[in-house]
Amino acid sequence: MTLTNYKKSLQDSIFPIIADSAKELSIDSYAIGGYVRDLILERGKSKDIDIVAVGSGIQLAKKVASKLKGKPKVSVFKNFGTAMIKHHNLEIEFVGARTESYTRDSRKPVVEDGTLLDDQKRRDFTINTMAISLNESDFGQLLDPFGGVKDLKNKLIRTPLDPSITYSDDPLRMLRAIRFATQLDFDIELKSLQAITENKDRIEIISQERIVDELNKILACDQPSIGLKLLHNTELLPFLLPELTALEGIEEIEGQRHKDNFWHTLEVVDNIAKTTDNLWLRWAALLHDIGKAPTKRFDNKIGWTFHAHEFVGSKIVVKLFKRLHMPLNDKMKFVQKMVRMSSRPIILSQNNVTDAAVRRLVFDAGEHVDDLMTLCEADITTKNSYKQKKYKNNFKLVRQKIIEVEERDHLRNFQPPISGEEIMKTFNLKPSKEIGIIKDAIKEAILEGEILNEYKPAYEFMIKKGAELGLHEK
């Protein structure tokens, strides 16, 4: 928090151009919001700049664009009274200062022209209300009517107005509060936390796309569990991911207990966040145990079981992605595959690993075998140091086996050495079940290590298998 000279901090040439343009239009202009917040936090130069004009933001954007080299396109959003310019590596958004009022059934406000203070009041958190003047008379001066700088120092998320009204008006702000707390490692003011819980049901008016955008940003943080715990504590999580909250709790029957799979999941997500930035692998970590709630059973002989929870969980992934309007493409299939296979390497790590078992793992996981191993390593949450060391060493052995098998047998993204067309040609066959039988037999022979994953041994095996089926070479 050593930054005091804001005039010197506005080094980018865009700011004098905005200032000159605003002066020519006889309106005041200010940098505001996230750019100012990150400037004071010394988080590096933001690529997104929000400009508020006490007047027409659209008119100011057009004036600025006319002064820039290349005359960049101005994207105008009349319904919102905003305009955006992309200039070099910057995205500059212009908005006219405004005041807002809301109706109960929508987060879309009724907007009227307002003062700078009106515009600062309508913003979500004090740390996003701070503005820096771009006007000739006080260029670089910070305007902080709601104590944003103090809240930055105290690492506090607080609303400029009554939080209950702020969150009821626009319930998305509840998720944004939790996301900022997670990103910045800040606390949410107690009054704000209580207001989020009181208004939790208001989240139902927010679109699934907006909700997922915030969930993605929480999962992308260094320690996602901060946000997930806040979602849980404010009782928002059941509205967003009821499949996850269903995992919470420990049952005991006849002295036998199972672990709390909800809190275990949060540990797994934090573990994987230390090793990968892959958002979809983080989603896989979040959802890897969601099949355990519907499959939980108690068996008098063996205790608690979760039979086929991986398979059930992979089916739930599809339903969850559809409900949240998430992409139903290769990203969903990747998460589904990781959840379905999430126990495979764990089983291998607990036994003497055979080449055949590793071949099947590499064959089934394909190009995602490394991601699968990363997920399983993150799944180690035991507090017993001996067990933790043992599991990690076992996974190292499995990884080494994968490397050895892959180098020798080339099973990742496996393509059979013998195609169906060649089988048909060799035995003068029309499409028939025999072709599938031979192809499967070749694949099984390779996976079991009976033949090498090469053309010549596969061809010889094909001839042998064909003879067993009563087929003869043409």
Protein backbone atom coordinates (compact mmCIF):
# COMPACT_ATOMS: atom_id res chain seq x y z
CA MET A 1 0.00 0.00 0.00
CA THR A 2 2.90 2.36 -0.69
CA LEU A 3 1.38 3.91 -3.81
CA THR A 4 0.48 7.56 -3.14
CA ASN A 5 1.17 9.48 -6.35
CA TYR A 6 -1.64 8.45 -8.62
CA LYS A 7 -0.84 11.03 -11.26
CA LYS A 8 2.51 9.36 -11.87
CA SER A 9 0.80 5.99 -11.95
CA LEU A 10 -1.37 6.90 -14.93
CA GLN A 11 1.52 6.36 -17.31
CA ASP A 12 -0.39 4.81 -20.20
CA SER A 13 -0.89 7.30 -23.05
CA ILE A 14 -4.60 6.47 -23.10
CA PHE A 15 -5.29 8.55 -19.99
CA PRO A 16 -4.23 11.96 -21.38
CA ILE A 17 -6.25 11.17 -24.53
CA ILE A 18 -9.34 10.41 -22.43
CA ALA A 19 -8.74 13.56 -20.38
CA ASP A 20 -8.41 15.76 -23.50
CA SER A 21 -11.49 14.19 -25.10
CA ALA A 22 -13.58 14.76 -21.97
CA LYS A 23 -12.39 18.35 -21.78
CA GLU A 24 -13.42 18.99 -25.40
CA LEU A 25 -16.88 17.60 -24.59
CA SER A 26 -17.04 19.70 -21.40
CA ILE A 27 -17.64 16.63 -19.21
CA ASP A 28 -15.76 15.18 -16.26
CA SER A 29 -14.22 11.70 -16.50
CA TYR A 30 -12.73 9.26 -14.00
CA ALA A 31 -10.98 5.90 -13.95
CA ILE A 32 -12.97 3.73 -11.58
CA GLY A 33 -13.45 0.23 -10.22
CA GLY A 34 -11.11 -2.70 -10.68
CA TYR A 35 -8.34 -0.75 -12.41
CA VAL A 36 -8.06 1.63 -9.46
CA ARG A 37 -8.35 -1.20 -6.93
CA ASP A 38 -5.54 -3.20 -8.56
CA LEU A 39 -3.41 -0.07 -8.91
CA ILE A 40 -3.59 0.56 -5.17
CA LEU A 41 -3.02 -3.13 -4.40
CA GLU A 42 0.02 -3.03 -6.70
CA ARG A 43 -1.23 -6.15 -8.49
CA GLY A 44 0.28 -5.05 -11.80
CA LYS A 45 -1.21 -3.09 -14.65
CA SER A 46 -4.74 -4.22 -15.46
CA LYS A 47 -5.69 -4.72 -19.10
CA ASP A 48 -9.27 -3.62 -18.35
CA ILE A 49 -9.98 0.04 -17.69
CA ASP A 50 -13.40 1.33 -16.64
CA ILE A 51 -14.10 5.00 -17.30
CA VAL A 52 -17.11 6.82 -15.89
CA ALA A 53 -18.18 10.07 -17.54
CA VAL A 54 -20.48 12.61 -15.92
CA GLY A 55 -22.31 12.85 -19.19
CA SER A 56 -22.46 10.47 -22.16
CA GLY A 57 -20.02 7.59 -21.91
CA ILE A 58 -20.83 6.60 -25.49
CA GLN A 59 -20.03 10.08 -26.79
CA LEU A 60 -16.76 10.09 -24.86
CA ALA A 61 -15.80 6.68 -26.27
CA LYS A 62 -16.36 7.88 -29.83
CA LYS A 63 -14.30 11.01 -29.21
CA VAL A 64 -11.43 8.99 -27.74
CA ALA A 65 -11.50 6.51 -30.64
CA SER A 66 -11.26 9.36 -33.15
CA LYS A 67 -7.97 10.45 -31.53
CA LEU A 68 -6.35 7.02 -31.47
CA LYS A 69 -4.14 5.65 -34.22
CA GLY A 70 -6.01 3.23 -36.43
CA LYS A 71 -9.37 4.64 -35.32
CA PRO A 72 -10.44 1.51 -33.38
CA LYS A 73 -14.04 0.36 -33.57
CA VAL A 74 -16.36 1.55 -30.82
CA SER A 75 -18.70 -1.20 -29.63
CA VAL A 76 -21.85 0.49 -28.38
CA PHE A 77 -24.35 -1.12 -25.99
CA LYS A 78 -27.22 1.35 -26.02
CA ASN A 79 -29.40 -0.64 -23.62
CA PHE A 80 -26.72 -0.32 -20.96
CA GLY A 81 -25.48 3.14 -21.93
CA THR A 82 -21.96 1.80 -22.35
CA ALA A 83 -19.31 1.62 -25.06
CA MET A 84 -16.04 -0.26 -25.37
CA ILE A 85 -12.80 0.26 -27.26
CA LYS A 86 -10.09 -2.34 -27.78
CA HIS A 87 -6.76 -0.52 -28.13
CA HIS A 88 -3.52 -2.49 -28.30
CA ASN A 89 -3.75 -4.86 -25.31
CA LEU A 90 -6.31 -2.75 -23.46
CA GLU A 91 -10.09 -3.02 -23.18
CA ILE A 92 -11.54 0.34 -22.18
CA GLU A 93 -15.19 0.52 -21.18
CA PHE A 94 -17.00 3.85 -20.95
CA VAL A 95 -20.21 4.46 -19.03
CA GLY A 96 -22.15 7.55 -18.14
CA ALA A 97 -22.51 8.25 -14.41
CA ARG A 98 -25.87 6.93 -13.36
CA THR A 99 -28.21 6.10 -10.55
CA GLU A 100 -30.14 2.85 -10.47
CA SER A 101 -33.35 1.44 -9.00
CA TYR A 102 -34.51 -2.18 -9.07
CA THR A 103 -37.69 -4.21 -9.19
CA ARG A 104 -38.06 -7.36 -7.11
CA ASP A 105 -38.12 -9.86 -9.97
CA SER A 106 -35.09 -8.67 -11.96
CA ARG A 107 -31.47 -7.66 -11.51
CA LYS A 108 -31.81 -5.30 -14.48
CA PRO A 109 -32.11 -1.79 -13.04
CA VAL A 110 -34.03 1.25 -14.12
CA VAL A 111 -31.21 3.67 -15.00
CA GLU A 112 -31.13 7.47 -14.84
CA ASP A 113 -28.33 9.98 -15.32
CA GLY A 114 -26.53 10.79 -12.10
CA THR A 115 -23.48 12.29 -10.47
CA LEU A 116 -20.14 10.60 -9.82
CA LEU A 117 -21.25 9.96 -6.24
CA ASP A 118 -24.49 8.37 -7.49
CA ASP A 119 -22.40 6.08 -9.67
CA GLN A 120 -20.10 5.16 -6.81
CA LYS A 121 -23.09 4.38 -4.57
CA ARG A 122 -24.53 1.92 -7.09
CA ARG A 123 -21.35 -0.18 -7.21
CA ASP A 124 -21.03 -3.47 -5.40
CA PHE A 125 -18.18 -3.04 -2.92
CA THR A 126 -16.25 -0.16 -1.40
CA ILE A 127 -13.03 -1.45 -2.95
CA ASN A 128 -14.65 -1.02 -6.37
CA THR A 129 -16.06 2.47 -5.74
CA MET A 130 -12.74 4.31 -5.75
CA ALA A 131 -12.23 6.72 -8.64
CA ILE A 132 -9.22 8.65 -9.94
CA SER A 133 -9.90 11.99 -11.58
CA LEU A 134 -8.82 12.49 -15.20
CA ASN A 135 -9.85 16.15 -15.12
CA GLU A 136 -7.41 19.01 -15.68
CA SER A 137 -8.03 20.65 -12.31
CA ASP A 138 -7.28 17.59 -10.16
CA PHE A 139 -5.79 14.96 -12.49
CA GLY A 140 -4.71 11.90 -10.47
CA GLN A 141 -6.70 12.73 -7.33
CA LEU A 142 -8.36 9.77 -5.62
CA LEU A 143 -12.03 10.10 -4.72
CA ASP A 144 -12.86 7.53 -2.05
CA PRO A 145 -16.14 8.49 -0.31
CA PHE A 146 -16.81 5.02 1.12
CA GLY A 147 -13.42 4.13 2.61
CA GLY A 148 -12.24 1.73 -0.07
CA VAL A 149 -8.55 2.31 0.69
CA LYS A 150 -9.13 1.53 4.37
CA ASP A 151 -10.98 -1.67 3.43
CA LEU A 152 -8.11 -2.69 1.15
CA LYS A 153 -5.70 -2.24 4.07
CA ASN A 154 -7.99 -4.22 6.36
CA LYS A 155 -8.60 -6.87 3.67
CA LEU A 156 -12.34 -6.43 3.95
CA ILE A 157 -15.21 -6.89 1.46
CA ARG A 158 -17.93 -4.40 2.35
CA THR A 159 -20.82 -2.81 0.45
CA PRO A 160 -21.05 1.00 0.15
CA LEU A 161 -24.74 0.96 1.14
CA ASP A 162 -26.94 -1.37 3.21
CA PRO A 163 -25.78 -4.86 2.18
CA SER A 164 -29.28 -6.32 2.40
CA ILE A 165 -30.49 -3.83 -0.22
CA THR A 166 -27.32 -4.24 -2.31
CA TYR A 167 -27.67 -8.04 -2.48
CA SER A 168 -31.44 -8.06 -2.88
CA ASP A 169 -31.23 -5.56 -5.77
CA ASP A 170 -28.60 -7.58 -7.63
CA PRO A 171 -28.10 -11.06 -6.13
CA LEU A 172 -25.14 -11.73 -8.41
CA ARG A 173 -23.22 -9.47 -6.03
CA MET A 174 -23.41 -12.20 -3.40
CA LEU A 175 -21.34 -14.48 -5.62
CA ARG A 176 -19.04 -11.61 -6.55
CA ALA A 177 -18.42 -10.90 -2.85
CA ILE A 178 -17.42 -14.50 -2.30
CA ARG A 179 -15.32 -14.56 -5.46
CA PHE A 180 -13.41 -11.39 -4.48
CA ALA A 181 -12.85 -12.76 -0.98
CA THR A 182 -11.38 -15.89 -2.56
CA GLN A 183 -9.26 -14.10 -5.16
CA LEU A 184 -7.86 -11.50 -2.78
CA ASP A 185 -7.89 -13.60 0.41
CA PHE A 186 -10.10 -10.97 2.07
CA ASP A 187 -12.79 -11.34 4.74
CA ILE A 188 -16.40 -10.44 4.07
CA GLU A 189 -17.80 -8.00 6.62
CA LEU A 190 -20.03 -9.85 9.13
CA LYS A 191 -23.06 -7.69 8.31
CA SER A 192 -22.54 -8.53 4.64
CA LEU A 193 -22.23 -12.25 5.35
CA GLN A 194 -25.49 -12.20 7.28
CA ALA A 195 -27.18 -10.28 4.46
CA ILE A 196 -26.04 -12.89 1.93
CA THR A 197 -27.59 -15.67 4.01
CA GLU A 198 -30.81 -13.67 4.43
CA ASN A 199 -31.04 -13.09 0.65
CA LYS A 200 -29.78 -16.50 -0.49
CA ASP A 201 -33.03 -17.45 -2.24
CA ARG A 202 -32.73 -14.33 -4.41
CA ILE A 203 -29.95 -16.11 -6.34
CA GLU A 204 -32.71 -17.93 -8.23
CA ILE A 205 -33.29 -14.88 -10.46
CA ILE A 206 -29.70 -15.01 -11.73
CA SER A 207 -29.00 -16.78 -15.01
CA GLN A 208 -27.07 -20.05 -14.87
CA GLU A 209 -24.44 -18.59 -17.21
CA ARG A 210 -23.68 -15.76 -14.76
CA ILE A 211 -23.53 -18.21 -11.85
CA VAL A 212 -21.13 -20.51 -13.69
CA ASP A 213 -18.91 -17.57 -14.62
CA GLU A 214 -18.45 -16.78 -10.92
CA LEU A 215 -17.99 -20.45 -9.99
CA ASN A 216 -15.30 -20.74 -12.65
CA LYS A 217 -13.49 -17.72 -11.22
CA ILE A 218 -13.67 -19.19 -7.71
CA LEU A 219 -12.31 -22.53 -8.96
CA ALA A 220 -9.50 -20.68 -10.78
CA CYS A 221 -8.23 -19.16 -7.50
CA ASP A 222 -5.14 -20.34 -5.63
CA GLN A 223 -7.29 -21.73 -2.80
CA PRO A 224 -10.80 -22.41 -4.11
CA SER A 225 -11.98 -23.84 -0.78
CA ILE A 226 -12.17 -20.30 0.62
CA GLY A 227 -15.03 -19.53 -1.75
CA LEU A 228 -16.61 -22.98 -1.49
CA LYS A 229 -16.69 -22.71 2.31
CA LEU A 230 -18.28 -19.26 2.07
CA LEU A 231 -20.90 -20.60 -0.35
CA HIS A 232 -21.58 -23.36 2.16
CA ASN A 233 -21.65 -21.12 5.24
CA THR A 234 -24.00 -18.57 3.61
CA GLU A 235 -26.30 -21.42 2.50
CA LEU A 236 -25.94 -20.49 -1.17
CA LEU A 237 -24.36 -23.78 -2.20
CA PRO A 238 -27.56 -25.89 -2.16
CA PHE A 239 -29.03 -23.50 -4.76
CA LEU A 240 -25.97 -23.92 -6.99
CA LEU A 241 -24.55 -27.41 -6.47
CA PRO A 242 -26.94 -29.52 -4.38
CA GLU A 243 -25.03 -32.63 -5.51
CA LEU A 244 -22.06 -31.33 -3.54
CA THR A 245 -23.89 -30.45 -0.33
CA ALA A 246 -25.47 -33.93 -0.39
CA LEU A 247 -21.99 -35.28 0.41
CA GLU A 248 -21.80 -33.50 3.77
CA GLY A 249 -22.05 -35.41 7.01
CA ILE A 250 -20.76 -38.53 8.74
CA GLU A 251 -22.96 -41.49 9.60
CA GLU A 252 -22.11 -44.14 12.16
CA ILE A 253 -23.65 -47.62 12.33
CA GLU A 254 -22.38 -50.38 14.60
CA GLY A 255 -19.33 -48.29 15.41
CA GLN A 256 -18.35 -47.88 11.77
CA ARG A 257 -18.13 -44.43 10.22
CA HIS A 258 -17.34 -43.03 6.79
CA LYS A 259 -15.45 -39.81 6.12
CA ASP A 260 -17.21 -36.53 5.35
CA ASN A 261 -16.95 -36.50 1.58
CA PHE A 262 -17.92 -32.83 1.27
CA TRP A 263 -14.98 -31.51 3.29
CA HIS A 264 -12.73 -34.13 1.72
CA THR A 265 -13.73 -32.78 -1.71
CA LEU A 266 -12.73 -29.24 -0.73
CA GLU A 267 -9.30 -30.52 0.28
CA VAL A 268 -8.94 -32.32 -3.04
CA VAL A 269 -9.81 -29.14 -4.96
CA ASP A 270 -7.20 -27.16 -3.02
CA ASN A 271 -4.63 -29.91 -3.61
CA ILE A 272 -5.19 -29.92 -7.35
CA ALA A 273 -5.09 -26.11 -7.49
CA LYS A 274 -1.46 -26.36 -6.36
CA THR A 275 -0.49 -28.45 -9.38
CA THR A 276 -2.64 -27.36 -12.35
CA ASP A 277 -4.40 -24.31 -13.81
CA ASN A 278 -6.64 -26.56 -15.93
CA LEU A 279 -10.13 -25.29 -15.01
CA TRP A 280 -11.84 -28.49 -16.20
CA LEU A 281 -9.52 -30.70 -14.18
CA ARG A 282 -10.42 -28.55 -11.17
CA TRP A 283 -14.11 -29.16 -11.99
CA ALA A 284 -13.32 -32.89 -12.10
CA ALA A 285 -11.77 -32.63 -8.63
CA LEU A 286 -14.89 -30.81 -7.38
CA LEU A 287 -17.21 -33.47 -8.79
CA HIS A 288 -15.11 -36.62 -8.42
CA ASP A 289 -17.14 -37.96 -5.47
CA ILE A 290 -20.65 -36.71 -6.32
CA GLY A 291 -21.76 -40.28 -6.98
CA LYS A 292 -21.14 -41.22 -3.35
CA ALA A 293 -24.33 -39.72 -1.92
CA PRO A 294 -26.74 -41.77 -4.08
CA THR A 295 -24.65 -44.98 -3.80
CA LYS A 296 -23.96 -44.96 -0.05
CA ARG A 297 -24.95 -48.24 1.63
CA PHE A 298 -24.13 -50.03 4.87
CA ASP A 299 -23.21 -53.69 4.70
CA ASN A 300 -23.13 -55.64 7.97
CA LYS A 301 -20.08 -57.59 6.83
CA ILE A 302 -17.89 -54.92 5.24
CA GLY A 303 -19.31 -51.62 6.52
CA TRP A 304 -19.93 -48.55 4.38
CA THR A 305 -19.83 -49.00 0.62
CA PHE A 306 -20.14 -46.69 -2.39
CA HIS A 307 -20.30 -49.27 -5.15
CA ALA A 308 -20.05 -47.86 -8.70
CA HIS A 309 -20.02 -44.28 -7.39
CA GLU A 310 -17.62 -43.30 -10.18
CA PHE A 311 -20.00 -44.52 -12.87
CA VAL A 312 -23.02 -42.91 -11.17
CA GLY A 313 -21.03 -39.71 -10.67
CA SER A 314 -20.12 -39.57 -14.37
CA LYS A 315 -23.85 -39.72 -15.22
CA ILE A 316 -24.59 -36.92 -12.74
CA VAL A 317 -21.90 -34.76 -14.41
CA VAL A 318 -23.98 -34.68 -17.60
CA LYS A 319 -27.16 -33.65 -15.75
CA LEU A 320 -25.27 -30.99 -13.79
CA PHE A 321 -23.67 -29.50 -16.90
CA LYS A 322 -27.07 -29.36 -18.61
CA ARG A 323 -28.75 -27.72 -15.62
CA LEU A 324 -26.04 -25.07 -15.28
CA HIS A 325 -25.94 -24.43 -19.05
CA MET A 326 -22.27 -25.42 -19.15
CA PRO A 327 -20.60 -26.57 -22.38
CA LEU A 328 -21.87 -29.98 -23.50
CA ASN A 329 -18.79 -30.65 -25.58
CA ASP A 330 -15.32 -32.10 -25.11
CA LYS A 331 -14.95 -30.18 -21.82
CA MET A 332 -17.93 -31.98 -20.31
CA LYS A 333 -16.72 -35.31 -21.71
CA PHE A 334 -13.31 -34.69 -20.16
CA VAL A 335 -14.81 -34.03 -16.70
CA GLN A 336 -17.10 -37.04 -17.10
CA LYS A 337 -14.16 -39.26 -18.06
CA MET A 338 -12.05 -38.07 -15.12
CA VAL A 339 -14.90 -38.74 -12.67
CA ARG A 340 -15.61 -42.17 -14.18
CA MET A 341 -11.95 -43.21 -13.99
CA SER A 342 -11.07 -41.42 -10.74
CA SER A 343 -10.47 -44.63 -8.74
CA ARG A 344 -8.58 -46.61 -11.37
CA PRO A 345 -5.03 -45.42 -10.53
CA ILE A 346 -5.85 -45.61 -6.81
CA ILE A 347 -6.67 -49.30 -7.15
CA LEU A 348 -3.44 -49.85 -9.09
CA SER A 349 -1.40 -48.02 -6.44
CA GLN A 350 -2.66 -50.38 -3.72
CA ASN A 351 -1.58 -53.57 -5.44
CA ASN A 352 1.40 -54.93 -7.29
CA VAL A 353 1.06 -53.13 -10.60
CA THR A 354 1.04 -55.45 -13.60
CA ASP A 355 1.98 -54.28 -17.07
CA ALA A 356 -1.43 -55.43 -18.35
CA ALA A 357 -3.27 -53.27 -15.80
CA VAL A 358 -1.16 -50.24 -16.69
CA ARG A 359 -1.72 -50.86 -20.41
CA ARG A 360 -5.48 -50.84 -19.85
CA LEU A 361 -5.24 -47.64 -17.83
CA VAL A 362 -3.23 -45.88 -20.55
CA PHE A 363 -5.53 -47.27 -23.26
CA ASP A 364 -8.72 -46.14 -21.47
CA ALA A 365 -7.42 -42.75 -20.31
CA GLY A 366 -5.68 -42.00 -23.63
CA GLU A 367 -4.26 -38.50 -23.88
CA HIS A 368 -5.66 -37.65 -20.43
CA VAL A 369 -3.72 -40.23 -18.43
CA ASP A 370 -1.44 -37.55 -16.90
CA ASP A 371 -4.48 -35.49 -15.87
CA LEU A 372 -6.02 -38.58 -14.29
CA MET A 373 -2.88 -39.23 -12.27
CA THR A 374 -2.82 -35.59 -11.14
CA LEU A 375 -6.43 -35.93 -9.96
CA CYS A 376 -5.71 -39.12 -8.04
CA GLU A 377 -2.63 -37.65 -6.38
CA ALA A 378 -4.76 -34.68 -5.26
CA ASP A 379 -7.21 -37.19 -3.76
CA ILE A 380 -4.66 -38.07 -1.05
CA THR A 381 -6.01 -36.17 1.98
CA THR A 382 -5.05 -38.48 4.83
CA LYS A 383 -3.46 -36.74 7.82
CA ASN A 384 -1.47 -39.87 8.65
CA SER A 385 2.05 -38.99 7.50
CA TYR A 386 3.04 -42.65 7.03
CA LYS A 387 0.02 -43.40 4.82
CA GLN A 388 0.44 -40.15 2.88
CA LYS A 389 4.08 -40.94 2.11
CA LYS A 390 3.17 -44.51 1.15
CA TYR A 391 0.37 -43.44 -1.23
CA LYS A 392 2.53 -40.79 -2.88
CA ASN A 393 5.37 -43.26 -3.40
CA ASN A 394 2.95 -45.80 -4.85
CA PHE A 395 1.68 -43.23 -7.34
CA LYS A 396 5.27 -42.48 -8.33
CA LEU A 397 5.67 -46.16 -9.13
CA VAL A 398 2.46 -46.14 -11.20
CA ARG A 399 3.66 -43.05 -13.10
CA GLN A 400 6.99 -44.73 -13.80
CA LYS A 401 5.19 -47.85 -15.04
CA ILE A 402 3.05 -45.68 -17.33
CA ILE A 403 6.18 -44.11 -18.83
CA GLU A 404 7.78 -47.52 -19.37
CA VAL A 405 4.67 -49.10 -20.89
CA GLU A 406 3.96 -46.06 -23.06
CA GLU A 407 7.51 -45.96 -24.42
CA ARG A 408 7.36 -49.64 -25.28
CA ASP A 409 3.76 -50.18 -26.36
CA HIS A 410 2.59 -46.73 -27.58
CA LEU A 411 -0.95 -47.12 -26.27
CA ARG A 412 -1.82 -43.48 -25.71
CA ASN A 413 -4.35 -42.48 -28.39
CA PHE A 414 -4.26 -46.13 -29.46
CA GLN A 415 -4.91 -46.93 -33.11
CA PRO A 416 -5.08 -50.67 -33.90
CA PRO A 417 -2.27 -51.89 -36.17
CA ILE A 418 -4.85 -53.79 -38.24
CA SER A 419 -7.92 -51.97 -39.55
CA GLY A 420 -11.35 -53.43 -40.17
CA GLU A 421 -10.88 -52.86 -43.88
CA GLU A 422 -7.72 -54.98 -43.89
CA ILE A 423 -9.49 -57.81 -42.05
CA MET A 424 -12.29 -57.73 -44.67
CA LYS A 425 -9.78 -57.75 -47.52
CA THR A 426 -7.62 -60.52 -46.03
CA PHE A 427 -10.50 -62.93 -45.49
CA ASN A 428 -12.74 -61.68 -48.34
CA LEU A 429 -15.45 -60.71 -45.85
CA LYS A 430 -18.44 -58.43 -46.08
CA PRO A 431 -19.37 -56.39 -42.96
CA SER A 432 -19.96 -59.00 -40.25
CA LYS A 433 -19.54 -59.76 -36.55
CA GLU A 434 -16.31 -61.67 -37.27
CA ILE A 435 -14.54 -58.41 -38.09
CA GLY A 436 -15.38 -56.98 -34.65
CA ILE A 437 -14.36 -60.23 -32.95
CA ILE A 438 -10.93 -60.18 -34.62
CA LYS A 439 -10.36 -56.46 -33.91
CA ASP A 440 -11.26 -56.92 -30.24
CA ALA A 441 -9.04 -59.99 -29.99
CA ILE A 442 -6.06 -58.04 -31.39
CA LYS A 443 -6.68 -55.20 -28.94
CA GLU A 444 -6.95 -57.61 -25.98
CA ALA A 445 -3.79 -59.44 -27.04
CA ILE A 446 -1.87 -56.15 -27.13
CA LEU A 447 -3.25 -55.00 -23.76
CA GLU A 448 -2.44 -58.36 -22.15
CA GLY A 449 1.09 -58.25 -23.55
CA GLU A 450 0.66 -61.35 -25.72
CA ILE A 451 1.79 -59.44 -28.83
CA LEU A 452 3.56 -56.15 -29.46
CA ASN A 453 1.59 -53.13 -30.63
CA GLU A 454 3.12 -53.46 -34.10
CA TYR A 455 1.84 -54.44 -37.54
CA LYS A 456 3.68 -57.74 -38.13
CA PRO A 457 2.77 -59.51 -34.85
CA ALA A 458 -0.78 -58.11 -35.11
CA TYR A 459 -1.09 -59.45 -38.68
CA GLU A 460 0.13 -62.90 -37.65
CA PHE A 461 -2.30 -62.90 -34.73
CA MET A 462 -5.13 -61.90 -37.11
CA ILE A 463 -4.40 -64.91 -39.36
CA LYS A 464 -4.36 -67.22 -36.33
CA LYS A 465 -7.61 -65.81 -34.93
CA GLY A 466 -9.26 -65.98 -38.35
CA ALA A 467 -8.35 -69.66 -38.61
CA GLU A 468 -9.97 -70.29 -35.20
CA LEU A 469 -13.16 -68.75 -36.61
CA GLY A 470 -12.98 -70.93 -39.72
CA LEU A 471 -11.79 -68.10 -41.98
CA HIS A 472 -9.11 -68.46 -44.64
CA GLU A 473 -6.87 -65.94 -46.38
CA LYS A 474 -8.05 -64.86 -49.80
